[in-house]
Amino acid sequence: MEGGKARRRMDIDARLERLAQRHEGLTETVELLTKDLSDMKVLVNDLAEGTARLLHVAEIHEKPISRLEEDQ
């Protein structure tokens, strides 16, 4: 019986060690994903600002183009 308890204890220790390693791996993955998400937010904000500037330029040039088309 003593051998069975020792083996069961080793099995539990090994499982706990694997669980701890998986937990560490998951923690690292979440940290990386959080960083990626933060980087993506910056890129999306930059894209939105660029799009707004482009829209503004298009609006500024829309009236002169309309006048040129009317003159023809």
PDB file of N, CA and C in Angstrom:
ATOM      1  N   MET A   1       0.801  -1.196   0.000  1.00  0.00           N
ATOM      2  CA  MET A   1       0.000   0.000   0.000  1.00  0.00           C
ATOM      3  C   MET A   1       0.845   1.262   0.000  1.00  0.00           C
ATOM      4  N   GLU A   2       1.974   1.228   0.686  1.00  0.00           N
ATOM      5  CA  GLU A   2       2.833   2.416   0.746  1.00  0.00           C
ATOM      6  C   GLU A   2       3.324   2.811  -0.641  1.00  0.00           C
ATOM      7  N   GLY A   3       3.636   1.850  -1.489  1.00  0.00           N
ATOM      8  CA  GLY A   3       4.104   2.138  -2.832  1.00  0.00           C
ATOM      9  C   GLY A   3       3.043   2.836  -3.657  1.00  0.00           C
ATOM     10  N   GLY A   4       1.789   2.433  -3.458  1.00  0.00           N
ATOM     11  CA  GLY A   4       0.680   3.040  -4.175  1.00  0.00           C
ATOM     12  C   GLY A   4       0.487   4.492  -3.790  1.00  0.00           C
ATOM     13  N   LYS A   5       0.631   4.796  -2.498  1.00  0.00           N
ATOM     14  CA  LYS A   5       0.485   6.181  -2.034  1.00  0.00           C
ATOM     15  C   LYS A   5       1.600   7.053  -2.586  1.00  0.00           C
ATOM     16  N   ALA A   6       2.805   6.515  -2.593  1.00  0.00           N
ATOM     17  CA  ALA A   6       3.958   7.279  -3.096  1.00  0.00           C
ATOM     18  C   ALA A   6       3.774   7.553  -4.589  1.00  0.00           C
ATOM     19  N   ARG A   7       3.313   6.534  -5.312  1.00  0.00           N
ATOM     20  CA  ARG A   7       3.113   6.717  -6.747  1.00  0.00           C
ATOM     21  C   ARG A   7       1.987   7.723  -7.006  1.00  0.00           C
ATOM     22  N   ARG A   8       0.900   7.619  -6.238  1.00  0.00           N
ATOM     23  CA  ARG A   8      -0.201   8.558  -6.388  1.00  0.00           C
ATOM     24  C   ARG A   8       0.261   9.989  -6.073  1.00  0.00           C
ATOM     25  N   ARG A   9       1.115  10.097  -5.057  1.00  0.00           N
ATOM     26  CA  ARG A   9       1.637  11.421  -4.675  1.00  0.00           C
ATOM     27  C   ARG A   9       2.488  11.987  -5.813  1.00  0.00           C
ATOM     28  N   MET A  10       3.313  11.136  -6.448  1.00  0.00           N
ATOM     29  CA  MET A  10       4.140  11.585  -7.565  1.00  0.00           C
ATOM     30  C   MET A  10       3.247  11.986  -8.740  1.00  0.00           C
ATOM     31  N   ASP A  11       2.174  11.232  -8.972  1.00  0.00           N
ATOM     32  CA  ASP A  11       1.256  11.575 -10.045  1.00  0.00           C
ATOM     33  C   ASP A  11       0.619  12.934  -9.795  1.00  0.00           C
ATOM     34  N   ILE A  12       0.187  13.183  -8.573  1.00  0.00           N
ATOM     35  CA  ILE A  12      -0.411  14.462  -8.218  1.00  0.00           C
ATOM     36  C   ILE A  12       0.605  15.578  -8.367  1.00  0.00           C
ATOM     37  N   ASP A  13       1.827  15.365  -7.893  1.00  0.00           N
ATOM     38  CA  ASP A  13       2.875  16.383  -8.030  1.00  0.00           C
ATOM     39  C   ASP A  13       3.159  16.685  -9.501  1.00  0.00           C
ATOM     40  N   ALA A  14       3.217  15.640 -10.318  1.00  0.00           N
ATOM     41  CA  ALA A  14       3.480  15.831 -11.750  1.00  0.00           C
ATOM     42  C   ALA A  14       2.327  16.597 -12.405  1.00  0.00           C
ATOM     43  N   ARG A  15       1.106  16.267 -12.036  1.00  0.00           N
ATOM     44  CA  ARG A  15      -0.052  16.980 -12.593  1.00  0.00           C
ATOM     45  C   ARG A  15      -0.053  18.442 -12.164  1.00  0.00           C
ATOM     46  N   LEU A  16       0.269  18.670 -10.901  1.00  0.00           N
ATOM     47  CA  LEU A  16       0.332  20.056 -10.415  1.00  0.00           C
ATOM     48  C   LEU A  16       1.417  20.841 -11.151  1.00  0.00           C
ATOM     49  N   GLU A  17       2.533  20.194 -11.400  1.00  0.00           N
ATOM     50  CA  GLU A  17       3.625  20.851 -12.129  1.00  0.00           C
ATOM     51  C   GLU A  17       3.179  21.185 -13.555  1.00  0.00           C
ATOM     52  N   ARG A  18       2.515  20.246 -14.219  1.00  0.00           N
ATOM     53  CA  ARG A  18       2.008  20.512 -15.582  1.00  0.00           C
ATOM     54  C   ARG A  18       0.986  21.644 -15.569  1.00  0.00           C
ATOM     55  N   LEU A  19       0.111  21.637 -14.571  1.00  0.00           N
ATOM     56  CA  LEU A  19      -0.880  22.704 -14.469  1.00  0.00           C
ATOM     57  C   LEU A  19      -0.208  24.062 -14.248  1.00  0.00           C
ATOM     58  N   ALA A  20       0.808  24.079 -13.418  1.00  0.00           N
ATOM     59  CA  ALA A  20       1.532  25.324 -13.174  1.00  0.00           C
ATOM     60  C   ALA A  20       2.207  25.813 -14.451  1.00  0.00           C
ATOM     61  N   GLN A  21       2.779  24.899 -15.224  1.00  0.00           N
ATOM     62  CA  GLN A  21       3.408  25.280 -16.489  1.00  0.00           C
ATOM     63  C   GLN A  21       2.375  25.806 -17.487  1.00  0.00           C
ATOM     64  N   ARG A  22       1.238  25.147 -17.546  1.00  0.00           N
ATOM     65  CA  ARG A  22       0.175  25.612 -18.450  1.00  0.00           C
ATOM     66  C   ARG A  22      -0.319  26.988 -18.028  1.00  0.00           C
ATOM     67  N   HIS A  23      -0.475  27.175 -16.728  1.00  0.00           N
ATOM     68  CA  HIS A  23      -0.923  28.472 -16.218  1.00  0.00           C
ATOM     69  C   HIS A  23       0.068  29.562 -16.596  1.00  0.00           C
ATOM     70  N   GLU A  24       1.342  29.268 -16.450  1.00  0.00           N
ATOM     71  CA  GLU A  24       2.384  30.229 -16.822  1.00  0.00           C
ATOM     72  C   GLU A  24       2.321  30.547 -18.314  1.00  0.00           C
ATOM     73  N   GLY A  25       2.139  29.502 -19.120  1.00  0.00           N
ATOM     74  CA  GLY A  25       2.031  29.705 -20.562  1.00  0.00           C
ATOM     75  C   GLY A  25       0.814  30.537 -20.926  1.00  0.00           C
ATOM     76  N   LEU A  26      -0.307  30.259 -20.297  1.00  0.00           N
ATOM     77  CA  LEU A  26      -1.516  31.040 -20.560  1.00  0.00           C
ATOM     78  C   LEU A  26      -1.344  32.494 -20.126  1.00  0.00           C
ATOM     79  N   THR A  27      -0.681  32.699 -19.009  1.00  0.00           N
ATOM     80  CA  THR A  27      -0.437  34.062 -18.535  1.00  0.00           C
ATOM     81  C   THR A  27       0.407  34.832 -19.539  1.00  0.00           C
ATOM     82  N   GLU A  28       1.441  34.206 -20.055  1.00  0.00           N
ATOM     83  CA  GLU A  28       2.289  34.854 -21.057  1.00  0.00           C
ATOM     84  C   GLU A  28       1.495  35.161 -22.327  1.00  0.00           C
ATOM     85  N   THR A  29       0.638  34.218 -22.736  1.00  0.00           N
ATOM     86  CA  THR A  29      -0.176  34.421 -23.929  1.00  0.00           C
ATOM     87  C   THR A  29      -1.122  35.603 -23.751  1.00  0.00           C
ATOM     88  N   VAL A  30      -1.765  35.693 -22.603  1.00  0.00           N
ATOM     89  CA  VAL A  30      -2.680  36.804 -22.334  1.00  0.00           C
ATOM     90  C   VAL A  30      -1.917  38.126 -22.343  1.00  0.00           C
ATOM     91  N   GLU A  31      -0.726  38.140 -21.782  1.00  0.00           N
ATOM     92  CA  GLU A  31       0.081  39.369 -21.788  1.00  0.00           C
ATOM     93  C   GLU A  31       0.426  39.788 -23.217  1.00  0.00           C
ATOM     94  N   LEU A  32       0.799  38.827 -24.052  1.00  0.00           N
ATOM     95  CA  LEU A  32       1.117  39.133 -25.445  1.00  0.00           C
ATOM     96  C   LEU A  32      -0.113  39.623 -26.207  1.00  0.00           C
ATOM     97  N   LEU A  33      -1.246  38.966 -25.981  1.00  0.00           N
ATOM     98  CA  LEU A  33      -2.480  39.383 -26.647  1.00  0.00           C
ATOM     99  C   LEU A  33      -2.897  40.788 -26.206  1.00  0.00           C
ATOM    100  N   THR A  34      -2.715  41.086 -24.933  1.00  0.00           N
ATOM    101  CA  THR A  34      -3.042  42.414 -24.422  1.00  0.00           C
ATOM    102  C   THR A  34      -2.173  43.460 -25.089  1.00  0.00           C
ATOM    103  N   LYS A  35      -0.894  43.167 -25.258  1.00  0.00           N
ATOM    104  CA  LYS A  35       0.023  44.097 -25.927  1.00  0.00           C
ATOM    105  C   LYS A  35      -0.376  44.267 -27.389  1.00  0.00           C
ATOM    106  N   ASP A  36      -0.692  43.154 -28.066  1.00  0.00           N
ATOM    107  CA  ASP A  36      -1.125  43.224 -29.461  1.00  0.00           C
ATOM    108  C   ASP A  36      -2.386  44.065 -29.605  1.00  0.00           C
ATOM    109  N   LEU A  37      -3.332  43.880 -28.691  1.00  0.00           N
ATOM    110  CA  LEU A  37      -4.575  44.641 -28.734  1.00  0.00           C
ATOM    111  C   LEU A  37      -4.301  46.127 -28.551  1.00  0.00           C
ATOM    112  N   SER A  38      -3.410  46.447 -27.648  1.00  0.00           N
ATOM    113  CA  SER A  38      -3.045  47.847 -27.425  1.00  0.00           C
ATOM    114  C   SER A  38      -2.419  48.444 -28.682  1.00  0.00           C
ATOM    115  N   ASP A  39      -1.529  47.693 -29.312  1.00  0.00           N
ATOM    116  CA  ASP A  39      -0.907  48.154 -30.558  1.00  0.00           C
ATOM    117  C   ASP A  39      -1.949  48.344 -31.660  1.00  0.00           C
ATOM    118  N   MET A  40      -2.907  47.426 -31.730  1.00  0.00           N
ATOM    119  CA  MET A  40      -3.956  47.528 -32.749  1.00  0.00           C
ATOM    120  C   MET A  40      -4.824  48.760 -32.520  1.00  0.00           C
ATOM    121  N   LYS A  41      -5.106  49.073 -31.261  1.00  0.00           N
ATOM    122  CA  LYS A  41      -5.901  50.269 -30.959  1.00  0.00           C
ATOM    123  C   LYS A  41      -5.202  51.517 -31.479  1.00  0.00           C
ATOM    124  N   VAL A  42      -3.894  51.582 -31.299  1.00  0.00           N
ATOM    125  CA  VAL A  42      -3.131  52.730 -31.785  1.00  0.00           C
ATOM    126  C   VAL A  42      -3.229  52.806 -33.307  1.00  0.00           C
ATOM    127  N   LEU A  43      -3.067  51.678 -33.975  1.00  0.00           N
ATOM    128  CA  LEU A  43      -3.156  51.658 -35.437  1.00  0.00           C
ATOM    129  C   LEU A  43      -4.537  52.059 -35.938  1.00  0.00           C
ATOM    130  N   VAL A  44      -5.579  51.569 -35.284  1.00  0.00           N
ATOM    131  CA  VAL A  44      -6.941  51.919 -35.691  1.00  0.00           C
ATOM    132  C   VAL A  44      -7.180  53.417 -35.490  1.00  0.00           C
ATOM    133  N   ASN A  45      -6.706  53.950 -34.375  1.00  0.00           N
ATOM    134  CA  ASN A  45      -6.851  55.389 -34.137  1.00  0.00           C
ATOM    135  C   ASN A  45      -6.105  56.198 -35.192  1.00  0.00           C
ATOM    136  N   ASP A  46      -4.906  55.771 -35.536  1.00  0.00           N
ATOM    137  CA  ASP A  46      -4.139  56.454 -36.587  1.00  0.00           C
ATOM    138  C   ASP A  46      -4.876  56.394 -37.920  1.00  0.00           C
ATOM    139  N   LEU A  47      -5.433  55.243 -38.232  1.00  0.00           N
ATOM    140  CA  LEU A  47      -6.184  55.082 -39.476  1.00  0.00           C
ATOM    141  C   LEU A  47      -7.423  55.982 -39.487  1.00  0.00           C
ATOM    142  N   ALA A  48      -8.117  56.038 -38.365  1.00  0.00           N
ATOM    143  CA  ALA A  48      -9.310  56.886 -38.277  1.00  0.00           C
ATOM    144  C   ALA A  48      -8.943  58.358 -38.454  1.00  0.00           C
ATOM    145  N   GLU A  49      -7.856  58.784 -37.835  1.00  0.00           N
ATOM    146  CA  GLU A  49      -7.423  60.174 -37.980  1.00  0.00           C
ATOM    147  C   GLU A  49      -7.031  60.474 -39.421  1.00  0.00           C
ATOM    148  N   GLY A  50      -6.320  59.560 -40.055  1.00  0.00           N
ATOM    149  CA  GLY A  50      -5.920  59.740 -41.449  1.00  0.00           C
ATOM    150  C   GLY A  50      -7.133  59.807 -42.367  1.00  0.00           C
ATOM    151  N   THR A  51      -8.109  58.964 -42.100  1.00  0.00           N
ATOM    152  CA  THR A  51      -9.332  58.966 -42.901  1.00  0.00           C
ATOM    153  C   THR A  51     -10.081  60.282 -42.730  1.00  0.00           C
ATOM    154  N   ALA A  52     -10.147  60.776 -41.508  1.00  0.00           N
ATOM    155  CA  ALA A  52     -10.826  62.054 -41.256  1.00  0.00           C
ATOM    156  C   ALA A  52     -10.115  63.191 -41.987  1.00  0.00           C
ATOM    157  N   ARG A  53      -8.791  63.177 -41.994  1.00  0.00           N
ATOM    158  CA  ARG A  53      -8.036  64.221 -42.712  1.00  0.00           C
ATOM    159  C   ARG A  53      -8.285  64.115 -44.217  1.00  0.00           C
ATOM    160  N   LEU A  54      -8.294  62.906 -44.730  1.00  0.00           N
ATOM    161  CA  LEU A  54      -8.546  62.700 -46.152  1.00  0.00           C
ATOM    162  C   LEU A  54      -9.955  63.180 -46.527  1.00  0.00           C
ATOM    163  N   LEU A  55     -10.935  62.876 -45.689  1.00  0.00           N
ATOM    164  CA  LEU A  55     -12.296  63.345 -45.929  1.00  0.00           C
ATOM    165  C   LEU A  55     -12.345  64.867 -45.952  1.00  0.00           C
ATOM    166  N   HIS A  56     -11.640  65.494 -45.035  1.00  0.00           N
ATOM    167  CA  HIS A  56     -11.593  66.955 -44.985  1.00  0.00           C
ATOM    168  C   HIS A  56     -10.998  67.523 -46.279  1.00  0.00           C
ATOM    169  N   VAL A  57      -9.920  66.946 -46.740  1.00  0.00           N
ATOM    170  CA  VAL A  57      -9.295  67.399 -47.996  1.00  0.00           C
ATOM    171  C   VAL A  57     -10.269  67.219 -49.159  1.00  0.00           C
ATOM    172  N   ALA A  58     -10.961  66.086 -49.192  1.00  0.00           N
ATOM    173  CA  ALA A  58     -11.927  65.838 -50.273  1.00  0.00           C
ATOM    174  C   ALA A  58     -13.051  66.871 -50.236  1.00  0.00           C
ATOM    175  N   GLU A  59     -13.520  67.199 -49.043  1.00  0.00           N
ATOM    176  CA  GLU A  59     -14.581  68.199 -48.922  1.00  0.00           C
ATOM    177  C   GLU A  59     -14.112  69.577 -49.382  1.00  0.00           C
ATOM    178  N   ILE A  60     -12.865  69.926 -49.042  1.00  0.00           N
ATOM    179  CA  ILE A  60     -12.315  71.224 -49.451  1.00  0.00           C
ATOM    180  C   ILE A  60     -12.252  71.314 -50.977  1.00  0.00           C
ATOM    181  N   HIS A  61     -11.869  70.226 -51.632  1.00  0.00           N
ATOM    182  CA  HIS A  61     -11.698  70.242 -53.086  1.00  0.00           C
ATOM    183  C   HIS A  61     -12.992  69.971 -53.845  1.00  0.00           C
ATOM    184  N   GLU A  62     -14.030  69.545 -53.160  1.00  0.00           N
ATOM    185  CA  GLU A  62     -15.278  69.204 -53.834  1.00  0.00           C
ATOM    186  C   GLU A  62     -15.912  70.429 -54.495  1.00  0.00           C
ATOM    187  N   LYS A  63     -15.941  71.565 -53.825  1.00  0.00           N
ATOM    188  CA  LYS A  63     -16.574  72.756 -54.390  1.00  0.00           C
ATOM    189  C   LYS A  63     -15.839  73.281 -55.622  1.00  0.00           C
ATOM    190  N   PRO A  64     -14.509  73.438 -55.570  1.00  0.00           N
ATOM    191  CA  PRO A  64     -13.835  73.906 -56.793  1.00  0.00           C
ATOM    192  C   PRO A  64     -14.036  72.956 -57.971  1.00  0.00           C
ATOM    193  N   ILE A  65     -14.065  71.659 -57.738  1.00  0.00           N
ATOM    194  CA  ILE A  65     -14.270  70.696 -58.825  1.00  0.00           C
ATOM    195  C   ILE A  65     -15.684  70.853 -59.380  1.00  0.00           C
ATOM    196  N   SER A  66     -16.661  71.032 -58.522  1.00  0.00           N
ATOM    197  CA  SER A  66     -18.038  71.215 -58.970  1.00  0.00           C
ATOM    198  C   SER A  66     -18.158  72.473 -59.829  1.00  0.00           C
ATOM    199  N   ARG A  67     -17.477  73.543 -59.423  1.00  0.00           N
ATOM    200  CA  ARG A  67     -17.512  74.772 -60.215  1.00  0.00           C
ATOM    201  C   ARG A  67     -16.887  74.564 -61.569  1.00  0.00           C
ATOM    202  N   LEU A  68     -15.782  73.847 -61.635  1.00  0.00           N
ATOM    203  CA  LEU A  68     -15.133  73.584 -62.926  1.00  0.00           C
ATOM    204  C   LEU A  68     -16.053  72.781 -63.840  1.00  0.00           C
ATOM    205  N   GLU A  69     -16.742  71.808 -63.269  1.00  0.00           N
ATOM    206  CA  GLU A  69     -17.646  70.994 -64.069  1.00  0.00           C
ATOM    207  C   GLU A  69     -18.833  71.814 -64.572  1.00  0.00           C
ATOM    208  N   GLU A  70     -19.288  72.749 -63.775  1.00  0.00           N
ATOM    209  CA  GLU A  70     -20.409  73.600 -64.178  1.00  0.00           C
ATOM    210  C   GLU A  70     -20.012  74.541 -65.326  1.00  0.00           C
ATOM    211  N   ASP A  71     -18.755  74.997 -65.322  1.00  0.00           N
ATOM    212  CA  ASP A  71     -18.273  75.925 -66.341  1.00  0.00           C
ATOM    213  C   ASP A  71     -18.152  75.273 -67.713  1.00  0.00           C
ATOM    214  N   GLN A  72     -18.053  73.980 -67.751  1.00  0.00           N
ATOM    215  CA  GLN A  72     -17.831  73.304 -69.041  1.00  0.00           C
ATOM    216  C   GLN A  72     -19.066  73.174 -69.834  1.00  0.00           C
TER     217      GLN A  72
END
